[in-house]
Amino acid sequence: MPNQLKLSRVYRFIDEQTGAPQISEFPDSNPTGDTPLEVRMKHFTEIENFTFLGYVLAHELGGTTPRPIRTVEDLEVPDEEFQRFVDEAKTAMLTDEELGDTVLDVGINWEHFVASTNSQLLPEHPLKITDVLMQEKIDSLDFIR
């Protein structure tokens, strides 16, 4: 069930079929807002919520057996630096807690990259910025999440 107050489009819920705690998918569309900066700030908040909920969920799961990270198996990202990180992650074996810690680290990087570039936003595309190389890094972190 989504957050009753609907402050964010990202929320935690219990899967009705399995009874397992889950997190909503991260929205691909822009949040609503009266100004481009408001849209960007709401996006920033969704990044923060998604990251924190992923961290909490991973720690709740408590699995202690290291396993590969399935979601990065075929992942290719636009930025070379973050592609090296993805390539390393493809061979990593992590416990649920270690994966949660990594999710938090990636998410903090992602939200800082987005927040520190607010002055460069494109008004017609508030989730994009004028700095092409920095946008590649932001997009890469978006894919990694």
N, C-alpha and C. Protein backbone atom coordinates (compact mmCIF):
# COMPACT_ATOMS: atom_id res chain seq x y z
N MET A 1 0.85 -1.18 0.00
CA MET A 1 0.00 0.00 0.00
C MET A 1 0.89 1.24 0.00
N PRO A 2 0.65 2.18 -0.89
CA PRO A 2 1.45 3.41 -0.93
C PRO A 2 1.32 4.20 0.37
N ASN A 3 2.28 5.04 0.59
CA ASN A 3 2.26 5.94 1.73
C ASN A 3 0.93 6.69 1.73
N GLN A 4 0.20 6.64 2.85
CA GLN A 4 -1.13 7.23 2.90
C GLN A 4 -1.11 8.74 2.66
N LEU A 5 -0.07 9.41 3.08
CA LEU A 5 0.00 10.86 2.89
C LEU A 5 0.54 11.24 1.51
N LYS A 6 1.08 10.27 0.79
CA LYS A 6 1.55 10.46 -0.59
C LYS A 6 2.56 11.60 -0.74
N LEU A 7 3.49 11.69 0.21
CA LEU A 7 4.55 12.67 0.11
C LEU A 7 5.62 12.23 -0.88
N SER A 8 5.66 10.95 -1.15
CA SER A 8 6.64 10.42 -2.09
C SER A 8 5.98 9.30 -2.89
N ARG A 9 6.45 9.09 -4.10
CA ARG A 9 5.95 7.98 -4.91
C ARG A 9 6.73 6.70 -4.63
N VAL A 10 7.65 6.74 -3.70
CA VAL A 10 8.44 5.59 -3.30
C VAL A 10 7.95 5.15 -1.92
N TYR A 11 7.68 3.86 -1.76
CA TYR A 11 7.13 3.40 -0.50
C TYR A 11 7.46 1.93 -0.26
N ARG A 12 7.33 1.53 0.98
CA ARG A 12 7.53 0.15 1.41
C ARG A 12 6.14 -0.48 1.51
N PHE A 13 6.06 -1.78 1.16
CA PHE A 13 4.79 -2.49 1.29
C PHE A 13 5.07 -3.97 1.52
N ILE A 14 4.05 -4.68 1.92
CA ILE A 14 4.14 -6.13 2.10
C ILE A 14 3.48 -6.79 0.90
N ASP A 15 4.22 -7.65 0.22
CA ASP A 15 3.68 -8.37 -0.94
C ASP A 15 2.57 -9.28 -0.45
N GLU A 16 1.39 -9.13 -1.02
CA GLU A 16 0.22 -9.90 -0.59
C GLU A 16 0.38 -11.40 -0.84
N GLN A 17 1.10 -11.78 -1.88
CA GLN A 17 1.24 -13.20 -2.21
C GLN A 17 2.29 -13.89 -1.36
N THR A 18 3.40 -13.19 -1.08
CA THR A 18 4.49 -13.84 -0.35
C THR A 18 4.59 -13.41 1.11
N GLY A 19 3.98 -12.26 1.44
CA GLY A 19 4.11 -11.73 2.80
C GLY A 19 5.45 -11.07 3.06
N ALA A 20 6.26 -10.95 2.00
CA ALA A 20 7.61 -10.37 2.14
C ALA A 20 7.57 -8.85 1.99
N PRO A 21 8.35 -8.15 2.79
CA PRO A 21 8.44 -6.70 2.61
C PRO A 21 9.09 -6.36 1.28
N GLN A 22 8.59 -5.34 0.62
CA GLN A 22 9.08 -4.92 -0.70
C GLN A 22 9.15 -3.40 -0.74
N ILE A 23 9.82 -2.89 -1.77
CA ILE A 23 9.86 -1.46 -2.02
C ILE A 23 9.31 -1.24 -3.42
N SER A 24 8.52 -0.19 -3.57
CA SER A 24 7.98 0.13 -4.88
C SER A 24 9.12 0.34 -5.87
N GLU A 25 8.81 0.18 -7.14
CA GLU A 25 9.81 0.49 -8.16
C GLU A 25 10.07 1.99 -8.16
N PHE A 26 11.28 2.36 -8.53
CA PHE A 26 11.59 3.78 -8.61
C PHE A 26 10.89 4.36 -9.83
N PRO A 27 10.16 5.46 -9.67
CA PRO A 27 9.40 6.01 -10.81
C PRO A 27 10.30 6.48 -11.95
N ASP A 28 9.89 6.18 -13.18
CA ASP A 28 10.62 6.64 -14.35
C ASP A 28 10.16 8.01 -14.82
N SER A 29 8.98 8.40 -14.41
CA SER A 29 8.43 9.70 -14.82
C SER A 29 8.81 10.79 -13.81
N ASN A 30 8.74 12.03 -14.26
CA ASN A 30 9.02 13.16 -13.38
C ASN A 30 7.94 13.28 -12.32
N PRO A 31 8.31 13.67 -11.09
CA PRO A 31 7.28 14.01 -10.12
C PRO A 31 6.59 15.30 -10.55
N THR A 32 5.46 15.60 -9.94
CA THR A 32 4.76 16.84 -10.25
C THR A 32 5.40 17.99 -9.50
N GLY A 33 5.20 19.19 -10.00
CA GLY A 33 5.71 20.38 -9.32
C GLY A 33 5.35 21.63 -10.09
N ASP A 34 5.29 22.73 -9.38
CA ASP A 34 4.93 24.01 -10.00
C ASP A 34 6.10 24.66 -10.74
N THR A 35 7.32 24.28 -10.38
CA THR A 35 8.51 24.85 -11.02
C THR A 35 9.48 23.72 -11.33
N PRO A 36 10.39 23.94 -12.28
CA PRO A 36 11.40 22.91 -12.56
C PRO A 36 12.24 22.55 -11.32
N LEU A 37 12.57 23.53 -10.50
CA LEU A 37 13.36 23.24 -9.31
C LEU A 37 12.57 22.39 -8.32
N GLU A 38 11.27 22.65 -8.19
CA GLU A 38 10.45 21.82 -7.30
C GLU A 38 10.41 20.37 -7.79
N VAL A 39 10.28 20.19 -9.09
CA VAL A 39 10.29 18.84 -9.67
C VAL A 39 11.61 18.15 -9.32
N ARG A 40 12.71 18.87 -9.51
CA ARG A 40 14.04 18.31 -9.23
C ARG A 40 14.19 17.97 -7.74
N MET A 41 13.70 18.83 -6.88
CA MET A 41 13.82 18.59 -5.44
C MET A 41 12.97 17.38 -5.02
N LYS A 42 11.78 17.22 -5.59
CA LYS A 42 10.97 16.04 -5.29
C LYS A 42 11.67 14.78 -5.78
N HIS A 43 12.33 14.86 -6.92
CA HIS A 43 13.11 13.72 -7.44
C HIS A 43 14.24 13.39 -6.46
N PHE A 44 14.90 14.40 -5.97
CA PHE A 44 15.96 14.22 -4.99
C PHE A 44 15.42 13.49 -3.76
N THR A 45 14.25 13.88 -3.30
CA THR A 45 13.63 13.24 -2.13
C THR A 45 13.29 11.79 -2.43
N GLU A 46 12.81 11.50 -3.64
CA GLU A 46 12.52 10.12 -3.99
C GLU A 46 13.79 9.27 -4.02
N ILE A 47 14.87 9.84 -4.48
CA ILE A 47 16.16 9.12 -4.44
C ILE A 47 16.50 8.78 -3.00
N GLU A 48 16.40 9.77 -2.15
CA GLU A 48 16.72 9.58 -0.73
C GLU A 48 15.83 8.51 -0.09
N ASN A 49 14.52 8.59 -0.34
CA ASN A 49 13.58 7.61 0.23
C ASN A 49 13.87 6.21 -0.28
N PHE A 50 14.08 6.08 -1.59
CA PHE A 50 14.33 4.78 -2.20
C PHE A 50 15.60 4.16 -1.61
N THR A 51 16.63 4.96 -1.49
CA THR A 51 17.90 4.48 -0.96
C THR A 51 17.76 4.01 0.48
N PHE A 52 17.13 4.83 1.29
CA PHE A 52 17.00 4.48 2.70
C PHE A 52 16.12 3.24 2.87
N LEU A 53 15.01 3.17 2.14
CA LEU A 53 14.15 2.00 2.24
C LEU A 53 14.88 0.73 1.79
N GLY A 54 15.69 0.83 0.73
CA GLY A 54 16.48 -0.31 0.28
C GLY A 54 17.47 -0.77 1.34
N TYR A 55 18.11 0.18 1.99
CA TYR A 55 19.05 -0.13 3.07
C TYR A 55 18.34 -0.84 4.22
N VAL A 56 17.20 -0.29 4.64
CA VAL A 56 16.44 -0.88 5.74
C VAL A 56 15.96 -2.28 5.38
N LEU A 57 15.40 -2.43 4.17
CA LEU A 57 14.90 -3.73 3.75
C LEU A 57 16.01 -4.78 3.74
N ALA A 58 17.17 -4.43 3.22
CA ALA A 58 18.28 -5.37 3.17
C ALA A 58 18.69 -5.81 4.58
N HIS A 59 18.67 -4.89 5.52
CA HIS A 59 19.02 -5.25 6.89
C HIS A 59 17.91 -6.07 7.55
N GLU A 60 16.66 -5.83 7.18
CA GLU A 60 15.55 -6.63 7.70
C GLU A 60 15.63 -8.07 7.20
N LEU A 61 16.06 -8.24 5.96
CA LEU A 61 16.14 -9.58 5.38
C LEU A 61 17.15 -10.44 6.14
N GLY A 62 18.28 -9.85 6.50
CA GLY A 62 19.24 -10.51 7.37
C GLY A 62 19.96 -11.72 6.81
N GLY A 63 19.92 -11.93 5.51
CA GLY A 63 20.62 -13.08 4.94
C GLY A 63 22.12 -12.97 5.16
N THR A 64 22.73 -14.05 5.59
CA THR A 64 24.17 -14.04 5.90
C THR A 64 25.01 -14.78 4.88
N THR A 65 24.36 -15.36 3.87
CA THR A 65 25.09 -16.08 2.83
C THR A 65 25.42 -15.11 1.70
N PRO A 66 26.69 -14.91 1.41
CA PRO A 66 27.06 -14.03 0.29
C PRO A 66 26.52 -14.59 -1.04
N ARG A 67 25.95 -13.69 -1.84
CA ARG A 67 25.40 -14.06 -3.13
C ARG A 67 25.77 -13.00 -4.16
N PRO A 68 25.71 -13.35 -5.46
CA PRO A 68 25.98 -12.34 -6.49
C PRO A 68 24.83 -11.32 -6.53
N ILE A 69 25.12 -10.15 -7.09
CA ILE A 69 24.12 -9.10 -7.26
C ILE A 69 23.49 -9.32 -8.63
N ARG A 70 22.30 -9.90 -8.65
CA ARG A 70 21.65 -10.28 -9.91
C ARG A 70 21.34 -9.08 -10.80
N THR A 71 21.01 -7.95 -10.21
CA THR A 71 20.54 -6.81 -11.01
C THR A 71 21.64 -6.14 -11.82
N VAL A 72 22.90 -6.47 -11.59
CA VAL A 72 23.97 -5.83 -12.37
C VAL A 72 24.59 -6.77 -13.40
N GLU A 73 24.08 -7.98 -13.51
CA GLU A 73 24.67 -8.97 -14.41
C GLU A 73 24.87 -8.46 -15.83
N ASP A 74 23.87 -7.79 -16.40
CA ASP A 74 23.94 -7.31 -17.78
C ASP A 74 23.94 -5.79 -17.86
N LEU A 75 24.26 -5.13 -16.77
CA LEU A 75 24.15 -3.67 -16.71
C LEU A 75 25.33 -2.98 -17.39
N GLU A 76 25.01 -2.04 -18.24
CA GLU A 76 25.99 -1.16 -18.89
C GLU A 76 25.54 0.27 -18.60
N VAL A 77 26.45 1.12 -18.12
CA VAL A 77 26.12 2.50 -17.79
C VAL A 77 26.97 3.46 -18.63
N PRO A 78 26.52 4.72 -18.81
CA PRO A 78 27.23 5.65 -19.70
C PRO A 78 28.58 6.15 -19.19
N ASP A 79 28.80 6.17 -17.89
CA ASP A 79 30.03 6.75 -17.34
C ASP A 79 31.08 5.67 -17.09
N GLU A 80 32.32 5.92 -17.56
CA GLU A 80 33.39 4.92 -17.42
C GLU A 80 33.72 4.59 -15.97
N GLU A 81 33.78 5.60 -15.13
CA GLU A 81 34.10 5.38 -13.71
C GLU A 81 33.08 4.45 -13.07
N PHE A 82 31.81 4.73 -13.29
CA PHE A 82 30.78 3.91 -12.68
C PHE A 82 30.63 2.57 -13.38
N GLN A 83 31.02 2.47 -14.64
CA GLN A 83 31.02 1.17 -15.31
C GLN A 83 32.06 0.27 -14.66
N ARG A 84 33.20 0.81 -14.28
CA ARG A 84 34.20 0.00 -13.57
C ARG A 84 33.62 -0.52 -12.25
N PHE A 85 32.86 0.33 -11.56
CA PHE A 85 32.19 -0.09 -10.33
C PHE A 85 31.21 -1.23 -10.62
N VAL A 86 30.42 -1.09 -11.68
CA VAL A 86 29.46 -2.13 -12.07
C VAL A 86 30.19 -3.42 -12.40
N ASP A 87 31.28 -3.32 -13.15
CA ASP A 87 32.04 -4.52 -13.53
C ASP A 87 32.59 -5.23 -12.30
N GLU A 88 33.02 -4.46 -11.32
CA GLU A 88 33.49 -5.06 -10.07
C GLU A 88 32.32 -5.71 -9.32
N ALA A 89 31.17 -5.03 -9.32
CA ALA A 89 29.99 -5.55 -8.64
C ALA A 89 29.51 -6.86 -9.27
N LYS A 90 29.75 -7.04 -10.56
CA LYS A 90 29.33 -8.26 -11.25
C LYS A 90 30.01 -9.50 -10.68
N THR A 91 31.18 -9.34 -10.10
CA THR A 91 31.90 -10.48 -9.55
C THR A 91 31.81 -10.56 -8.02
N ALA A 92 31.16 -9.58 -7.40
CA ALA A 92 31.09 -9.53 -5.94
C ALA A 92 30.06 -10.52 -5.40
N MET A 93 30.34 -11.01 -4.23
CA MET A 93 29.41 -11.86 -3.49
C MET A 93 29.13 -11.12 -2.18
N LEU A 94 27.87 -10.71 -1.96
CA LEU A 94 27.52 -9.90 -0.80
C LEU A 94 26.40 -10.53 0.01
N THR A 95 26.46 -10.33 1.32
CA THR A 95 25.33 -10.70 2.17
C THR A 95 24.25 -9.63 2.00
N ASP A 96 23.07 -9.88 2.51
CA ASP A 96 22.00 -8.89 2.42
C ASP A 96 22.44 -7.57 3.07
N GLU A 97 23.07 -7.65 4.23
CA GLU A 97 23.51 -6.44 4.93
C GLU A 97 24.56 -5.68 4.12
N GLU A 98 25.51 -6.40 3.54
CA GLU A 98 26.52 -5.75 2.70
C GLU A 98 25.89 -5.10 1.47
N LEU A 99 24.90 -5.77 0.88
CA LEU A 99 24.20 -5.19 -0.26
C LEU A 99 23.46 -3.92 0.17
N GLY A 100 22.82 -3.96 1.34
CA GLY A 100 22.14 -2.78 1.86
C GLY A 100 23.09 -1.62 2.07
N ASP A 101 24.26 -1.91 2.60
CA ASP A 101 25.27 -0.86 2.81
C ASP A 101 25.72 -0.28 1.47
N THR A 102 25.85 -1.13 0.46
CA THR A 102 26.24 -0.67 -0.88
C THR A 102 25.13 0.17 -1.51
N VAL A 103 23.89 -0.25 -1.35
CA VAL A 103 22.75 0.52 -1.85
C VAL A 103 22.76 1.92 -1.23
N LEU A 104 23.01 1.98 0.06
CA LEU A 104 23.06 3.28 0.75
C LEU A 104 24.19 4.14 0.20
N ASP A 105 25.35 3.55 -0.01
CA ASP A 105 26.49 4.29 -0.54
C ASP A 105 26.21 4.83 -1.94
N VAL A 106 25.68 3.98 -2.82
CA VAL A 106 25.34 4.41 -4.18
C VAL A 106 24.28 5.50 -4.13
N GLY A 107 23.27 5.31 -3.30
CA GLY A 107 22.20 6.29 -3.20
C GLY A 107 22.65 7.64 -2.69
N ILE A 108 23.54 7.65 -1.71
CA ILE A 108 24.07 8.92 -1.20
C ILE A 108 24.85 9.63 -2.29
N ASN A 109 25.67 8.88 -3.04
CA ASN A 109 26.38 9.47 -4.17
C ASN A 109 25.39 10.06 -5.18
N TRP A 110 24.38 9.29 -5.51
CA TRP A 110 23.39 9.69 -6.50
C TRP A 110 22.68 10.96 -6.06
N GLU A 111 22.19 10.98 -4.82
CA GLU A 111 21.46 12.17 -4.39
C GLU A 111 22.37 13.39 -4.29
N HIS A 112 23.63 13.22 -3.93
CA HIS A 112 24.55 14.35 -3.87
C HIS A 112 24.89 14.87 -5.27
N PHE A 113 25.03 13.96 -6.22
CA PHE A 113 25.29 14.39 -7.60
C PHE A 113 24.11 15.20 -8.12
N VAL A 114 22.89 14.74 -7.82
CA VAL A 114 21.70 15.46 -8.28
C VAL A 114 21.58 16.80 -7.56
N ALA A 115 21.68 16.79 -6.24
CA ALA A 115 21.47 18.02 -5.46
C ALA A 115 22.52 19.09 -5.75
N SER A 116 23.74 18.67 -6.00
CA SER A 116 24.81 19.66 -6.20
C SER A 116 24.77 20.29 -7.58
N THR A 117 23.88 19.83 -8.43
CA THR A 117 23.81 20.36 -9.80
C THR A 117 22.49 21.08 -10.08
N ASN A 118 21.75 21.42 -9.04
CA ASN A 118 20.46 22.10 -9.23
C ASN A 118 20.59 23.36 -10.06
N SER A 119 21.69 24.08 -9.91
CA SER A 119 21.84 25.34 -10.64
C SER A 119 22.03 25.12 -12.14
N GLN A 120 22.26 23.86 -12.56
CA GLN A 120 22.48 23.56 -13.97
C GLN A 120 21.28 22.89 -14.64
N LEU A 121 20.16 22.83 -13.94
CA LEU A 121 19.02 22.12 -14.50
C LEU A 121 18.51 22.77 -15.78
N LEU A 122 17.99 21.95 -16.65
CA LEU A 122 17.36 22.42 -17.88
C LEU A 122 15.87 22.60 -17.58
N PRO A 123 15.35 23.83 -17.62
CA PRO A 123 13.95 24.07 -17.23
C PRO A 123 12.94 23.18 -17.95
N GLU A 124 13.20 22.86 -19.21
CA GLU A 124 12.26 22.02 -19.95
C GLU A 124 12.41 20.54 -19.61
N HIS A 125 13.52 20.17 -18.96
CA HIS A 125 13.79 18.79 -18.52
C HIS A 125 14.46 18.86 -17.15
N PRO A 126 13.70 19.11 -16.08
CA PRO A 126 14.29 19.39 -14.78
C PRO A 126 15.12 18.27 -14.15
N LEU A 127 15.05 17.07 -14.71
CA LEU A 127 15.90 16.00 -14.18
C LEU A 127 17.19 15.86 -14.97
N LYS A 128 17.42 16.77 -15.90
CA LYS A 128 18.64 16.79 -16.70
C LYS A 128 19.38 18.11 -16.45
N ILE A 129 20.70 18.06 -16.66
CA ILE A 129 21.52 19.27 -16.47
C ILE A 129 22.32 19.58 -17.73
N THR A 130 22.90 20.77 -17.75
CA THR A 130 23.66 21.22 -18.91
C THR A 130 25.02 20.55 -19.03
N ASP A 131 25.60 20.08 -17.95
CA ASP A 131 26.92 19.44 -17.95
C ASP A 131 26.76 17.99 -18.39
N VAL A 132 27.12 17.70 -19.64
CA VAL A 132 26.90 16.38 -20.25
C VAL A 132 27.64 15.28 -19.50
N LEU A 133 28.90 15.52 -19.13
CA LEU A 133 29.67 14.48 -18.44
C LEU A 133 29.10 14.19 -17.06
N MET A 134 28.71 15.23 -16.34
CA MET A 134 28.10 15.02 -15.02
C MET A 134 26.74 14.33 -15.17
N GLN A 135 26.01 14.65 -16.22
CA GLN A 135 24.73 13.97 -16.45
C GLN A 135 24.94 12.49 -16.69
N GLU A 136 26.03 12.12 -17.37
CA GLU A 136 26.34 10.70 -17.57
C GLU A 136 26.57 10.01 -16.24
N LYS A 137 27.24 10.69 -15.31
CA LYS A 137 27.45 10.11 -13.97
C LYS A 137 26.12 9.94 -13.24
N ILE A 138 25.28 10.97 -13.30
CA ILE A 138 23.97 10.88 -12.65
C ILE A 138 23.15 9.75 -13.26
N ASP A 139 23.13 9.67 -14.58
CA ASP A 139 22.39 8.60 -15.25
C ASP A 139 22.93 7.23 -14.86
N SER A 140 24.24 7.13 -14.75
CA SER A 140 24.86 5.86 -14.37
C SER A 140 24.42 5.45 -12.98
N LEU A 141 24.43 6.39 -12.05
CA LEU A 141 23.99 6.07 -10.68
C LEU A 141 22.51 5.70 -10.68
N ASP A 142 21.74 6.32 -11.54
CA ASP A 142 20.32 5.99 -11.68
C ASP A 142 20.17 4.52 -12.12
N PHE A 143 20.96 4.10 -13.09
CA PHE A 143 20.90 2.71 -13.56
C PHE A 143 21.35 1.73 -12.48
N ILE A 144 22.38 2.11 -11.72
CA ILE A 144 22.94 1.22 -10.70
C ILE A 144 21.93 0.96 -9.60
N ARG A 145 21.12 1.94 -9.24
CA ARG A 145 20.17 1.76 -8.14
C ARG A 145 19.32 0.56 -8.40
